[in-house]
Protein backbone atom coordinates (compact mmCIF):
# COMPACT_ATOMS: atom_id res chain seq x y z
CA MET A 1 15.38 1.09 -10.19
CA LYS A 2 15.58 -2.44 -8.83
CA TYR A 3 13.01 -5.08 -9.84
CA LEU A 4 12.00 -8.33 -8.16
CA LYS A 5 9.87 -11.25 -9.32
CA VAL A 6 6.28 -11.56 -8.14
CA GLY A 7 4.86 -15.08 -8.11
CA ASN A 8 5.46 -17.54 -10.93
CA SER A 9 4.09 -15.51 -13.85
CA GLY A 10 7.39 -13.95 -14.82
CA MET A 11 6.41 -10.51 -13.57
CA GLU A 12 9.17 -8.27 -12.26
CA ALA A 13 7.92 -5.36 -10.17
CA SER A 14 9.81 -2.26 -9.15
CA VAL A 15 10.88 -2.22 -5.50
CA VAL A 16 9.22 1.19 -5.21
CA GLY A 17 5.56 1.02 -6.13
CA LEU A 18 2.93 3.69 -6.48
CA GLY A 19 0.12 3.43 -3.94
CA THR A 20 -3.07 5.20 -4.99
CA TRP A 21 -5.27 5.45 -1.91
CA VAL A 22 -4.90 9.24 -2.00
CA THR A 23 -5.82 9.21 -5.71
CA GLY A 24 -9.34 8.19 -4.73
CA GLY A 25 -9.75 11.32 -2.59
CA GLY A 26 -12.54 11.72 -0.10
CA GLN A 27 -12.87 13.26 3.36
CA VAL A 28 -10.28 10.89 4.78
CA TRP A 29 -7.62 12.86 2.89
CA GLY A 30 -8.82 16.38 3.56
CA THR A 31 -7.95 18.28 0.38
CA ASP A 32 -9.32 16.47 -2.66
CA PRO A 33 -6.72 15.47 -5.28
CA ASP A 34 -6.84 16.82 -8.82
CA ASP A 35 -7.41 13.93 -11.23
CA SER A 36 -5.30 15.48 -13.96
CA GLU A 37 -2.39 15.91 -11.56
CA SER A 38 -2.90 12.33 -10.38
CA VAL A 39 -2.51 11.17 -13.99
CA ARG A 40 0.67 13.22 -14.27
CA ALA A 41 1.95 11.62 -11.06
CA ILE A 42 1.30 8.16 -12.48
CA HIS A 43 3.05 9.08 -15.73
CA ALA A 44 6.01 10.50 -13.78
CA SER A 45 6.24 7.23 -11.87
CA LEU A 46 6.18 5.13 -15.05
CA ASP A 47 8.69 7.38 -16.79
CA ASN A 48 11.12 6.96 -13.89
CA GLY A 49 11.15 3.20 -13.50
CA VAL A 50 8.12 2.50 -11.31
CA ASN A 51 6.00 -0.19 -12.94
CA LEU A 52 3.99 -1.43 -9.92
CA ILE A 53 0.74 0.46 -9.35
CA ASP A 54 -1.48 -0.58 -6.46
CA THR A 55 -5.10 0.48 -6.20
CA ALA A 56 -8.45 -0.78 -4.86
CA PRO A 57 -12.17 -0.28 -5.52
CA ALA A 58 -12.63 1.19 -2.03
CA TYR A 59 -10.23 4.06 -2.82
CA GLY A 60 -12.80 6.69 -3.65
CA PHE A 61 -15.44 4.04 -4.44
CA GLY A 62 -13.93 3.34 -7.85
CA ARG A 63 -12.38 6.74 -8.52
CA SER A 64 -8.80 5.61 -7.96
CA GLU A 65 -9.17 2.67 -10.35
CA GLU A 66 -10.73 4.93 -12.98
CA VAL A 67 -7.88 7.45 -12.76
CA VAL A 68 -5.28 4.68 -12.90
CA GLY A 69 -7.06 3.17 -15.90
CA ARG A 70 -6.97 6.52 -17.65
CA ALA A 71 -3.28 6.97 -16.92
CA VAL A 72 -2.11 3.55 -18.13
CA ARG A 73 -4.11 3.58 -21.35
CA GLY A 74 -1.61 2.83 -24.11
CA ARG A 75 0.97 1.60 -21.59
CA ARG A 76 -0.85 -1.41 -20.16
CA ASP A 77 1.88 -3.88 -21.15
CA LYS A 78 4.45 -1.82 -19.23
CA VAL A 79 2.53 -1.85 -15.95
CA ILE A 80 1.96 -4.38 -13.20
CA LEU A 81 -1.56 -3.54 -12.04
CA ALA A 82 -2.46 -4.59 -8.52
CA THR A 83 -5.96 -4.11 -7.19
CA LYS A 84 -8.13 -5.73 -4.54
CA CYS A 85 -11.44 -7.24 -3.55
CA GLY A 86 -13.25 -7.62 -0.26
CA LEU A 87 -14.43 -4.15 0.75
CA TRP A 88 -18.04 -3.88 -0.32
CA TRP A 89 -20.53 -1.01 -0.19
CA GLN A 90 -23.28 -1.86 -2.71
CA ASP A 91 -25.50 -3.61 -0.14
CA SER A 92 -25.21 -5.26 3.27
CA ARG A 93 -23.59 -8.51 2.16
CA GLY A 94 -20.61 -9.34 4.36
CA SER A 95 -19.83 -8.02 7.84
CA LEU A 96 -19.95 -4.33 8.74
CA PHE A 97 -16.43 -2.90 8.83
CA VAL A 98 -16.85 0.89 8.93
CA GLU A 99 -20.27 2.37 9.56
CA ASP A 100 -19.51 5.68 7.87
CA PHE A 101 -16.64 5.67 5.38
CA ASP A 102 -17.01 8.87 3.39
CA GLY A 103 -20.77 8.62 3.72
CA LYS A 104 -21.15 4.91 2.96
CA ALA A 105 -21.33 1.79 5.09
CA LEU A 106 -18.36 -0.40 4.25
CA TYR A 107 -18.54 -4.18 4.62
CA ARG A 108 -15.91 -6.88 4.52
CA SER A 109 -17.17 -9.38 1.99
CA VAL A 110 -15.00 -12.09 0.47
CA ARG A 111 -17.98 -14.10 -0.70
CA PRO A 112 -17.55 -15.57 -4.18
CA ASP A 113 -20.67 -13.77 -5.44
CA THR A 114 -19.43 -10.30 -4.47
CA ILE A 115 -15.88 -11.04 -5.64
CA ARG A 116 -17.19 -11.95 -9.10
CA ILE A 117 -19.02 -8.62 -9.26
CA GLU A 118 -16.00 -6.71 -7.98
CA ILE A 119 -13.53 -8.09 -10.48
CA GLU A 120 -15.74 -7.27 -13.47
CA GLU A 121 -16.15 -3.70 -12.23
CA SER A 122 -12.41 -3.37 -11.60
CA LEU A 123 -11.60 -4.66 -15.07
CA ARG A 124 -14.01 -2.11 -16.55
CA ARG A 125 -12.67 0.82 -14.52
CA LEU A 126 -9.04 -0.09 -15.20
CA GLY A 127 -9.71 -0.60 -18.90
CA THR A 128 -8.09 -4.01 -19.06
CA ASP A 129 -9.08 -7.64 -19.48
CA TYR A 130 -6.74 -8.99 -16.79
CA ILE A 131 -5.30 -7.94 -13.44
CA ASP A 132 -1.71 -8.80 -12.64
CA LEU A 133 -2.06 -9.07 -8.87
CA TYR A 134 -5.50 -9.48 -7.29
CA GLN A 135 -5.44 -9.09 -3.51
CA VAL A 136 -7.93 -9.80 -0.75
CA HIS A 137 -8.10 -6.33 0.81
CA TRP A 138 -9.13 -7.44 4.31
CA PRO A 139 -9.94 -10.93 5.57
CA ALA A 140 -13.48 -11.89 6.53
CA ILE A 141 -14.77 -11.20 10.03
CA GLU A 142 -17.81 -12.30 12.01
CA PRO A 143 -20.75 -12.50 11.76
CA GLU A 144 -20.40 -13.43 8.08
CA LYS A 145 -16.99 -15.05 8.00
CA THR A 146 -16.67 -16.65 4.59
CA PRO A 147 -14.34 -19.67 4.76
CA ILE A 148 -10.96 -18.95 3.21
CA GLU A 149 -11.36 -22.14 1.21
CA ASP A 150 -14.42 -20.66 -0.55
CA THR A 151 -12.69 -17.36 -1.25
CA MET A 152 -9.62 -19.07 -2.67
CA ASP A 153 -11.72 -21.42 -4.78
CA CYS A 154 -13.26 -18.37 -6.45
CA LEU A 155 -9.89 -16.64 -6.92
CA ASN A 156 -8.31 -19.79 -8.34
CA GLN A 157 -11.16 -20.03 -10.85
CA LEU A 158 -10.59 -16.41 -11.89
CA LYS A 159 -6.91 -17.23 -12.31
CA ASP A 160 -7.72 -20.25 -14.45
CA GLN A 161 -9.95 -18.01 -16.58
CA GLY A 162 -7.05 -15.61 -17.18
CA LYS A 163 -8.70 -12.67 -15.42
CA ILE A 164 -5.94 -12.53 -12.81
CA ARG A 165 -2.30 -13.60 -13.01
CA GLU A 166 -1.39 -13.86 -9.32
CA ILE A 167 -3.27 -13.89 -6.00
CA GLY A 168 -2.25 -11.79 -3.03
CA VAL A 169 -3.52 -11.00 0.45
CA SER A 170 -3.52 -7.88 2.58
CA ASN A 171 -3.92 -7.04 6.27
CA VAL A 172 -3.87 -10.68 7.34
CA SER A 173 -2.48 -12.33 10.45
CA LEU A 174 0.18 -14.99 10.12
CA ASP A 175 -2.38 -17.74 10.81
CA GLU A 176 -4.70 -16.31 8.13
CA LEU A 177 -1.83 -16.15 5.64
CA LYS A 178 -1.01 -19.80 6.29
CA GLU A 179 -4.65 -20.74 5.78
CA TYR A 180 -4.78 -18.90 2.45
CA MET A 181 -1.65 -20.79 1.40
CA ARG A 182 -3.38 -24.10 2.13
CA TRP A 183 -5.80 -23.48 -0.72
CA GLY A 184 -3.60 -22.05 -3.44
CA ALA A 185 -0.48 -20.13 -4.40
CA ILE A 186 -0.11 -16.77 -2.65
CA ALA A 187 2.31 -14.44 -4.41
CA SER A 188 2.20 -11.42 -2.11
CA ASP A 189 1.27 -10.02 1.27
CA GLN A 190 0.47 -6.33 1.59
CA LEU A 191 0.96 -5.04 5.11
CA ARG A 192 1.37 -1.88 7.07
CA TYR A 193 5.03 -1.40 7.96
CA SER A 194 7.26 1.57 8.66
CA MET A 195 10.08 2.57 10.96
CA LEU A 196 7.34 3.73 13.35
CA PHE A 197 5.30 0.53 12.99
CA GLN A 198 7.65 -2.45 13.12
CA ALA A 199 5.28 -5.15 14.42
CA PRO A 200 5.47 -7.29 11.23
CA GLU A 201 9.17 -7.90 11.92
CA THR A 202 8.16 -10.45 14.57
CA ASP A 203 6.15 -12.73 12.29
CA LEU A 204 4.93 -11.80 8.82
CA LEU A 205 8.14 -10.41 7.33
CA PRO A 206 10.37 -13.37 8.27
CA PHE A 207 7.67 -15.84 7.27
CA CYS A 208 7.23 -14.25 3.85
CA ALA A 209 11.00 -14.13 3.34
CA GLY A 210 11.22 -17.82 4.13
CA ASN A 211 8.37 -18.78 1.82
CA SER A 212 9.16 -16.73 -1.32
CA ILE A 213 6.21 -14.37 -0.78
CA VAL A 214 6.85 -10.78 -1.79
CA THR A 215 5.72 -8.05 0.58
CA LEU A 216 4.12 -4.76 -0.37
CA THR A 217 4.47 -2.37 2.55
CA TYR A 218 2.06 0.52 2.88
CA MET A 219 2.11 3.64 5.05
CA SER A 220 5.91 3.41 5.06
CA LEU A 221 6.04 7.22 4.89
CA GLU A 222 3.27 7.35 7.52
CA GLN A 223 1.06 9.48 5.29
CA GLY A 224 3.73 12.14 4.90
CA LEU A 225 4.84 12.38 8.53
CA LEU A 226 8.26 10.88 7.75
CA THR A 227 8.93 13.31 4.93
CA GLY A 228 9.51 16.12 7.43
CA LYS A 229 6.88 18.26 5.73
CA VAL A 230 4.17 17.95 8.39
CA GLY A 231 4.83 20.79 10.80
CA VAL A 232 3.86 21.04 14.45
CA ASP A 233 1.05 23.53 13.83
CA ARG A 234 -0.66 21.78 10.96
CA ASP A 235 -4.30 20.89 11.65
CA PHE A 236 -6.28 17.97 10.25
CA GLY A 237 -10.04 17.68 9.91
CA GLU A 238 -12.00 15.33 12.15
CA ALA A 239 -12.79 13.02 9.21
CA GLU A 240 -9.14 12.69 8.13
CA TRP A 241 -7.25 9.51 8.95
CA ARG A 242 -4.33 11.60 10.18
CA SER A 243 -6.47 12.97 13.01
CA ASN A 244 -7.22 9.44 14.23
CA ALA A 245 -4.90 8.86 17.20
CA ASP A 246 -5.69 5.14 17.22
CA TRP A 247 -4.43 4.86 13.63
CA ASN A 248 -1.23 6.85 14.16
CA PRO A 249 -0.70 8.61 17.51
CA TRP A 250 2.51 10.20 16.22
CA PHE A 251 0.34 12.70 14.33
CA LYS A 252 -0.83 14.20 17.63
CA LYS A 253 0.65 17.67 18.04
CA VAL A 254 2.27 16.72 21.33
CA ASN A 255 4.28 14.01 19.55
CA ARG A 256 5.26 15.72 16.33
CA PRO A 257 8.21 17.71 17.77
CA ARG A 258 9.97 14.43 18.63
CA ILE A 259 9.52 13.14 15.08
CA LEU A 260 10.70 16.38 13.54
CA ALA A 261 13.74 16.49 15.83
CA MET A 262 14.70 12.96 14.80
CA LEU A 263 14.31 13.77 11.12
CA SER A 264 16.34 16.98 11.40
CA GLY A 265 19.11 14.90 12.96
CA TRP A 266 19.49 13.06 9.67
CA LYS A 267 20.54 16.16 7.73
CA ASP A 268 24.06 14.79 7.34
CA LEU A 269 22.60 11.60 5.84
CA THR A 270 20.46 13.41 3.29
CA GLU A 271 23.49 15.50 2.33
CA ARG A 272 25.80 12.49 2.05
CA TYR A 273 23.36 10.48 -0.06
CA GLU A 274 22.09 13.57 -1.90
CA CYS A 275 18.51 12.58 -1.16
CA THR A 276 15.37 13.86 0.50
CA LEU A 277 14.03 12.63 3.84
CA ALA A 278 11.30 10.76 1.96
CA GLN A 279 13.90 8.96 -0.15
CA LEU A 280 15.97 8.14 2.91
CA THR A 281 12.91 6.68 4.65
CA ILE A 282 11.89 4.61 1.62
CA ALA A 283 15.42 3.29 1.15
CA TRP A 284 15.64 2.31 4.83
CA THR A 285 12.31 0.50 4.58
CA ALA A 286 13.28 -1.36 1.41
CA ALA A 287 16.51 -2.53 3.06
CA GLN A 288 14.78 -4.30 5.96
CA PRO A 289 14.73 -8.12 5.99
CA GLY A 290 11.59 -9.48 4.35
CA VAL A 291 10.62 -6.21 2.66
CA THR A 292 10.61 -6.50 -1.12
CA HIS A 293 8.38 -3.64 -2.37
CA VAL A 294 7.48 -0.31 -0.79
CA LEU A 295 4.23 1.39 -1.83
CA CYS A 296 4.33 5.18 -1.74
CA GLY A 297 1.48 7.57 -2.44
CA ALA A 298 1.83 10.74 -4.49
CA ARG A 299 -0.54 13.67 -5.02
CA THR A 300 1.73 15.37 -7.52
CA ALA A 301 4.17 14.49 -10.26
CA GLN A 302 7.01 15.97 -8.18
CA GLN A 303 6.19 13.71 -5.23
CA ALA A 304 6.08 10.72 -7.57
CA LEU A 305 9.45 11.69 -9.06
CA ASP A 306 10.90 12.03 -5.56
CA ASN A 307 9.63 8.62 -4.50
CA ALA A 308 10.93 6.92 -7.64
CA GLY A 309 14.38 8.34 -6.97
CA SER A 310 14.71 6.13 -3.90
CA GLY A 311 14.62 2.99 -6.05
CA CYS A 312 18.37 3.08 -6.64
CA LEU A 313 19.40 4.42 -3.22
CA VAL A 314 21.45 1.98 -1.11
CA LEU A 315 22.27 2.90 2.48
CA ASP A 316 25.38 1.72 4.30
CA ALA A 317 24.81 -0.89 7.02
CA ALA A 318 26.03 1.51 9.70
CA ASP A 319 23.50 4.13 8.62
CA LEU A 320 20.68 1.58 8.58
CA THR A 321 21.56 0.70 12.15
CA ARG A 322 21.86 4.34 13.16
CA ILE A 323 18.40 5.11 11.85
CA ARG A 324 16.91 2.12 13.65
CA ASN A 325 18.59 3.18 16.90
CA ASP A 326 17.29 6.73 16.52
CA VAL A 327 13.77 5.41 16.06
CA ARG A 328 14.17 3.19 19.11
CA THR A 329 15.27 6.23 21.14
CA LEU A 330 11.96 7.92 20.32
CA GLY A 331 10.19 5.56 22.68
CA GLN A 332 6.40 5.42 22.65
CA PRO A 333 4.05 8.22 21.54
CA HIS A 334 1.93 10.01 24.12
């Protein structure tokens, strides 16, 4: 496994991280995860070199953080814990984000008063007295658009108090990232990026590379689509994210055959590198300019083991280019 520094606190995080959105369960994922198996998946990750675990209060309304806390008990000093603030459901403070998110109204709130509540609850659920990387989950939106200066003032105070070691952002535009940087040190930017969603290559990835900001990519496996295990006939419930064509139109049944054909064309690559399609995809993602850490979800210990195995996989330049060209040939989804 390869490790890279995060911020100025001396932390070195594995290039493959464990993302735990699925660990929180809920209708958005269809089949509910088994908490005991989630703990085994976290242990499998830690035992195989993954030390970066990313979670958030909104993942299962605290469930993901609680499961992670359970799993890292006794190993806290071996783990870089990353969690978030800014998605709020306890009352109507903030601006409405999702009217019905697993039965609750979800608000974007980066107000200092809600952040101070959130961090105490995250510390309790995670069973720790500090968080290594505390990220703003989503930036503020109208009508209650808290000034970034106010949010950062609160986060800087929490850092001074020792409750967080580094500050990160997530799902921000380049202009928003620059504004956050005006008011304090930003160690990381978490962003959606995959071979099917390359938009950050035009702005965020090169900017972060040029400003010593690590990037944590999410949905790099496109919620399992790029593992080759999502067949043409598989159905998803209406409440699942994978049935939302606006979120990822490649999941539409009319588009899946093109994805599967592309993936099957890489059989010689998986044989040559003795890897799975998931590992090939993760390794390609990690090799892209500006990408430093790739977050991968895992329902089971075997999936976690598979993901961790990509941490030492290095693809030849010609194969990186070939994969990019194959993706370009796909064109646009219907």
